[in-house]
Amino acid sequence: MVMRRWLERRQAPATYALVLCLVGIQCLVEFQSHEIWYRMGGLNRETFVGTKSLTLFSYGFLHGGWWHMLSNALMIVFPSAVCWREGSCICS
C-alpha cells in the first residue's frame, strides 16, 4: 500500500529536469540583461532565417516573467501527476 502511494506521487525525472531548466533560465534572464537573452534566444524572422535556426527550440525556454514561467511549470507538472495517478490516460 505504501509503495503504491509513492508510485502515485512520483514524477518522471524528465519533468523535474524540464522545470529546473525553466527556473534556471528564468533566473539567468532576470538577473542579467533581458535584451541580450531575447536577442540571442528569441524567435524572430531575422535570426530564424539566418544562421541561428536553433532559436526555434530555445525560444520556448524564454518567458515573460516569473508568473508566466510558474504557470508553464505547473502545466508541465500537474498533467504528469494525473497520468501517474490514473494509470493510462491521454498523456501516455
Protein backbone atom coordinates (compact mmCIF):
# COMPACT_ATOMS: atom_id res chain seq x y z
CA MET A 1 0.00 0.00 0.00
CA VAL A 2 2.78 2.44 0.89
CA MET A 3 4.65 1.59 -2.31
CA ARG A 4 1.55 2.26 -4.39
CA ARG A 5 1.08 5.71 -2.82
CA TRP A 6 4.72 6.53 -3.52
CA LEU A 7 4.30 5.47 -7.14
CA GLU A 8 1.18 7.61 -7.44
CA ARG A 9 3.06 10.70 -6.23
CA ARG A 10 6.28 10.30 -8.14
CA GLN A 11 7.01 12.28 -11.27
CA ALA A 12 9.08 11.39 -14.26
CA PRO A 13 12.69 12.61 -13.93
CA ALA A 14 12.33 14.46 -17.23
CA THR A 15 9.50 16.50 -15.71
CA TYR A 16 11.72 17.71 -12.88
CA ALA A 17 14.63 18.31 -15.26
CA LEU A 18 12.48 20.43 -17.56
CA VAL A 19 11.10 22.51 -14.69
CA LEU A 20 14.63 23.01 -13.31
CA CYS A 21 15.78 24.18 -16.75
CA LEU A 22 12.88 26.63 -16.92
CA VAL A 23 13.68 28.04 -13.47
CA GLY A 24 17.43 28.22 -14.19
CA ILE A 25 16.99 30.02 -17.48
CA GLN A 26 14.45 32.41 -15.93
CA CYS A 27 17.00 33.21 -13.20
CA LEU A 28 19.65 33.96 -15.81
CA VAL A 29 17.30 36.18 -17.77
CA GLU A 30 16.07 38.06 -14.69
CA PHE A 31 19.48 38.71 -13.17
CA GLN A 32 21.18 39.70 -16.41
CA SER A 33 20.12 41.91 -19.28
CA HIS A 34 16.77 40.77 -20.70
CA GLU A 35 17.52 42.24 -24.09
CA ILE A 36 20.64 40.15 -24.68
CA TRP A 37 18.86 36.87 -23.88
CA TYR A 38 15.84 37.66 -26.02
CA ARG A 39 18.04 38.80 -28.91
CA MET A 40 20.18 35.63 -28.74
CA GLY A 41 17.47 33.06 -27.98
CA GLY A 42 14.20 34.63 -29.01
CA LEU A 43 12.37 33.61 -32.14
CA ASN A 44 12.10 36.23 -34.83
CA ARG A 45 12.34 36.24 -38.60
CA GLU A 46 15.89 37.60 -38.85
CA THR A 47 17.52 35.04 -36.56
CA PHE A 48 15.42 32.09 -37.72
CA VAL A 49 16.08 32.63 -41.42
CA GLY A 50 19.73 33.45 -40.75
CA THR A 51 22.33 31.33 -39.04
CA LYS A 52 20.59 30.92 -35.68
CA SER A 53 17.99 28.31 -36.55
CA LEU A 54 18.31 26.82 -33.04
CA THR A 55 16.16 29.69 -31.81
CA LEU A 56 13.24 27.54 -32.94
CA PHE A 57 13.94 25.44 -29.83
CA SER A 58 15.45 28.00 -27.44
CA TYR A 59 12.56 30.46 -27.56
CA GLY A 60 10.37 28.01 -25.62
CA PHE A 61 12.57 28.44 -22.55
CA LEU A 62 12.31 32.25 -22.51
CA HIS A 63 9.33 33.53 -20.54
CA GLY A 64 7.64 36.85 -19.96
CA GLY A 65 8.29 36.81 -16.23
CA TRP A 66 8.07 34.69 -13.12
CA TRP A 67 4.28 34.25 -13.24
CA HIS A 68 4.47 33.08 -16.85
CA MET A 69 7.24 30.62 -16.01
CA LEU A 70 5.37 29.37 -12.92
CA SER A 71 2.15 28.77 -14.83
CA ASN A 72 4.03 26.85 -17.52
CA ALA A 73 5.83 24.76 -14.88
CA LEU A 74 2.50 23.90 -13.24
CA MET A 75 1.07 22.88 -16.60
CA ILE A 76 4.05 20.53 -17.03
CA VAL A 77 3.91 19.01 -13.53
CA PHE A 78 0.15 18.71 -12.94
CA PRO A 79 -0.83 16.62 -16.00
CA SER A 80 2.11 14.31 -15.33
CA ALA A 81 0.86 13.72 -11.78
CA VAL A 82 -2.64 12.96 -13.07
CA CYS A 83 -1.24 10.45 -15.57
CA TRP A 84 0.72 8.66 -12.85
CA ARG A 85 -2.34 8.53 -10.60
CA GLU A 86 -4.85 7.39 -13.21
CA GLY A 87 -2.56 4.90 -14.93
CA SER A 88 -3.31 5.15 -18.60
CA CYS A 89 -4.54 8.42 -19.99
CA ILE A 90 -4.09 10.67 -22.98
CA CYS A 91 -0.58 11.61 -21.80
CA SER A 92 0.82 8.10 -22.14
